[in-house]
Amino acid sequence: MSSDERTERQRDLRRRLRAAGKLFTPPRPDNPLPRDVVIELGRGFGTAVSEALEADRTLGGERRD
């Protein structure tokens, strides 16, 4: 599949999702942090974030409090 075909398929999918009311586009932050700052802030988290995401996926998004 060519890059153009892939791009067109993505556009078509987004059109269909938008028409069905199922496309969520998060709002862009007014003042996003620079990439290097975000990377530095994330240092030291180790595998905690990955493990939390995996647990969330395993539970199907249910909250565990």
N, C-alpha and C. Protein backbone atom coordinates (compact mmCIF):
# COMPACT_ATOMS: atom_id res chain seq x y z
N MET A 1 0.85 -1.17 0.00
CA MET A 1 0.00 0.00 0.00
C MET A 1 0.90 1.24 0.00
N SER A 2 0.59 2.17 -0.86
CA SER A 2 1.42 3.37 -0.94
C SER A 2 1.07 4.33 0.20
N SER A 3 1.95 5.26 0.40
CA SER A 3 1.74 6.28 1.44
C SER A 3 0.47 7.08 1.17
N ASP A 4 0.23 7.40 -0.11
CA ASP A 4 -0.98 8.15 -0.47
C ASP A 4 -2.25 7.36 -0.17
N GLU A 5 -2.22 6.06 -0.46
CA GLU A 5 -3.37 5.21 -0.18
C GLU A 5 -3.63 5.11 1.32
N ARG A 6 -2.57 4.98 2.08
CA ARG A 6 -2.69 4.89 3.53
C ARG A 6 -3.28 6.20 4.09
N THR A 7 -2.79 7.33 3.59
CA THR A 7 -3.29 8.63 4.03
C THR A 7 -4.77 8.78 3.69
N GLU A 8 -5.16 8.36 2.51
CA GLU A 8 -6.56 8.46 2.12
C GLU A 8 -7.44 7.55 2.97
N ARG A 9 -6.94 6.36 3.29
CA ARG A 9 -7.71 5.45 4.17
C ARG A 9 -7.89 6.07 5.55
N GLN A 10 -6.83 6.72 6.07
CA GLN A 10 -6.93 7.37 7.37
C GLN A 10 -7.94 8.51 7.33
N ARG A 11 -7.91 9.30 6.26
CA ARG A 11 -8.88 10.40 6.12
C ARG A 11 -10.30 9.87 6.06
N ASP A 12 -10.49 8.79 5.29
CA ASP A 12 -11.82 8.20 5.17
C ASP A 12 -12.31 7.68 6.51
N LEU A 13 -11.43 7.02 7.26
CA LEU A 13 -11.80 6.51 8.58
C LEU A 13 -12.21 7.66 9.49
N ARG A 14 -11.43 8.74 9.49
CA ARG A 14 -11.77 9.89 10.33
C ARG A 14 -13.10 10.51 9.93
N ARG A 15 -13.36 10.58 8.62
CA ARG A 15 -14.65 11.11 8.16
C ARG A 15 -15.81 10.27 8.69
N ARG A 16 -15.65 8.96 8.58
CA ARG A 16 -16.71 8.06 9.05
C ARG A 16 -16.90 8.15 10.56
N LEU A 17 -15.79 8.20 11.31
CA LEU A 17 -15.89 8.32 12.76
C LEU A 17 -16.55 9.64 13.16
N ARG A 18 -16.17 10.73 12.48
CA ARG A 18 -16.75 12.04 12.78
C ARG A 18 -18.25 12.02 12.49
N ALA A 19 -18.64 11.43 11.36
CA ALA A 19 -20.05 11.36 10.98
C ALA A 19 -20.85 10.53 11.99
N ALA A 20 -20.21 9.54 12.58
CA ALA A 20 -20.88 8.68 13.57
C ALA A 20 -20.82 9.27 14.97
N GLY A 21 -20.15 10.41 15.13
CA GLY A 21 -20.03 11.02 16.45
C GLY A 21 -19.08 10.29 17.37
N LYS A 22 -18.15 9.54 16.79
CA LYS A 22 -17.24 8.73 17.61
C LYS A 22 -15.79 9.18 17.53
N LEU A 23 -15.54 10.33 16.93
CA LEU A 23 -14.18 10.82 16.82
C LEU A 23 -13.92 11.80 17.94
N PHE A 24 -12.94 11.50 18.75
CA PHE A 24 -12.55 12.40 19.84
C PHE A 24 -11.21 13.02 19.50
N THR A 25 -11.18 14.31 19.48
CA THR A 25 -9.94 15.03 19.27
C THR A 25 -9.70 15.86 20.52
N PRO A 26 -8.68 15.50 21.29
CA PRO A 26 -8.44 16.26 22.53
C PRO A 26 -8.06 17.70 22.22
N PRO A 27 -8.45 18.61 23.08
CA PRO A 27 -8.09 20.01 22.83
C PRO A 27 -6.58 20.20 22.95
N ARG A 28 -6.05 21.06 22.13
CA ARG A 28 -4.62 21.35 22.20
C ARG A 28 -4.37 22.32 23.35
N PRO A 29 -3.33 22.07 24.13
CA PRO A 29 -3.03 22.99 25.23
C PRO A 29 -2.58 24.35 24.69
N ASP A 30 -2.90 25.39 25.44
CA ASP A 30 -2.51 26.74 25.03
C ASP A 30 -1.00 26.92 25.06
N ASN A 31 -0.37 26.39 26.09
CA ASN A 31 1.07 26.55 26.26
C ASN A 31 1.73 25.20 26.55
N PRO A 32 1.89 24.35 25.53
CA PRO A 32 2.49 23.04 25.79
C PRO A 32 3.95 23.17 26.20
N LEU A 33 4.37 22.24 27.04
CA LEU A 33 5.77 22.22 27.46
C LEU A 33 6.64 21.74 26.31
N PRO A 34 7.85 22.23 26.24
CA PRO A 34 8.78 21.73 25.22
C PRO A 34 9.07 20.25 25.44
N ARG A 35 9.34 19.54 24.36
CA ARG A 35 9.56 18.11 24.41
C ARG A 35 10.66 17.73 25.40
N ASP A 36 11.77 18.45 25.39
CA ASP A 36 12.87 18.10 26.28
C ASP A 36 12.49 18.26 27.75
N VAL A 37 11.62 19.22 28.05
CA VAL A 37 11.16 19.41 29.43
C VAL A 37 10.28 18.23 29.84
N VAL A 38 9.40 17.82 28.95
CA VAL A 38 8.51 16.68 29.25
C VAL A 38 9.34 15.42 29.48
N ILE A 39 10.33 15.20 28.64
CA ILE A 39 11.19 14.02 28.81
C ILE A 39 11.90 14.08 30.15
N GLU A 40 12.41 15.23 30.51
CA GLU A 40 13.10 15.37 31.79
C GLU A 40 12.15 15.13 32.97
N LEU A 41 10.93 15.65 32.86
CA LEU A 41 9.94 15.44 33.93
C LEU A 41 9.61 13.96 34.11
N GLY A 42 9.66 13.20 33.01
CA GLY A 42 9.33 11.78 33.07
C GLY A 42 10.45 10.89 33.55
N ARG A 43 11.64 11.44 33.68
CA ARG A 43 12.77 10.62 34.15
C ARG A 43 12.49 10.14 35.58
N GLY A 44 12.85 8.91 35.82
CA GLY A 44 12.67 8.36 37.15
C GLY A 44 11.38 7.59 37.34
N PHE A 45 10.48 7.66 36.36
CA PHE A 45 9.23 6.91 36.48
C PHE A 45 9.45 5.42 36.26
N GLY A 46 10.52 5.08 35.56
CA GLY A 46 10.81 3.67 35.31
C GLY A 46 9.67 3.01 34.58
N THR A 47 9.29 1.84 35.05
CA THR A 47 8.22 1.10 34.37
C THR A 47 6.86 1.37 34.99
N ALA A 48 6.77 2.26 35.97
CA ALA A 48 5.50 2.49 36.67
C ALA A 48 4.38 2.90 35.72
N VAL A 49 4.69 3.79 34.79
CA VAL A 49 3.65 4.26 33.86
C VAL A 49 3.22 3.12 32.93
N SER A 50 4.18 2.40 32.39
CA SER A 50 3.84 1.29 31.50
C SER A 50 3.01 0.24 32.23
N GLU A 51 3.38 -0.06 33.46
CA GLU A 51 2.64 -1.05 34.25
C GLU A 51 1.22 -0.55 34.55
N ALA A 52 1.08 0.73 34.85
CA ALA A 52 -0.25 1.27 35.13
C ALA A 52 -1.12 1.23 33.88
N LEU A 53 -0.54 1.56 32.72
CA LEU A 53 -1.31 1.49 31.48
C LEU A 53 -1.72 0.06 31.16
N GLU A 54 -0.80 -0.88 31.35
CA GLU A 54 -1.12 -2.28 31.11
C GLU A 54 -2.23 -2.76 32.04
N ALA A 55 -2.16 -2.36 33.31
CA ALA A 55 -3.21 -2.74 34.26
C ALA A 55 -4.55 -2.15 33.84
N ASP A 56 -4.53 -0.91 33.37
CA ASP A 56 -5.76 -0.27 32.92
C ASP A 56 -6.34 -1.00 31.72
N ARG A 57 -5.48 -1.39 30.79
CA ARG A 57 -5.97 -2.13 29.61
C ARG A 57 -6.54 -3.47 30.02
N THR A 58 -5.87 -4.14 30.96
CA THR A 58 -6.32 -5.45 31.40
C THR A 58 -7.70 -5.36 32.06
N LEU A 59 -7.92 -4.28 32.79
CA LEU A 59 -9.20 -4.10 33.49
C LEU A 59 -10.26 -3.50 32.59
N GLY A 60 -9.90 -3.18 31.35
CA GLY A 60 -10.86 -2.61 30.42
C GLY A 60 -11.22 -1.18 30.76
N GLY A 61 -10.32 -0.47 31.39
CA GLY A 61 -10.57 0.93 31.71
C GLY A 61 -11.35 1.17 32.99
N GLU A 62 -11.66 0.10 33.74
CA GLU A 62 -12.39 0.27 35.01
C GLU A 62 -11.48 0.92 36.04
N ARG A 63 -12.05 1.77 36.86
CA ARG A 63 -11.25 2.43 37.89
C ARG A 63 -11.07 1.51 39.09
N ARG A 64 -9.87 1.54 39.64
CA ARG A 64 -9.56 0.75 40.84
C ARG A 64 -9.13 1.70 41.93
N ASP A 65 -9.99 2.13 42.79
CA ASP A 65 -9.62 3.03 43.87
C ASP A 65 -9.80 2.39 45.22
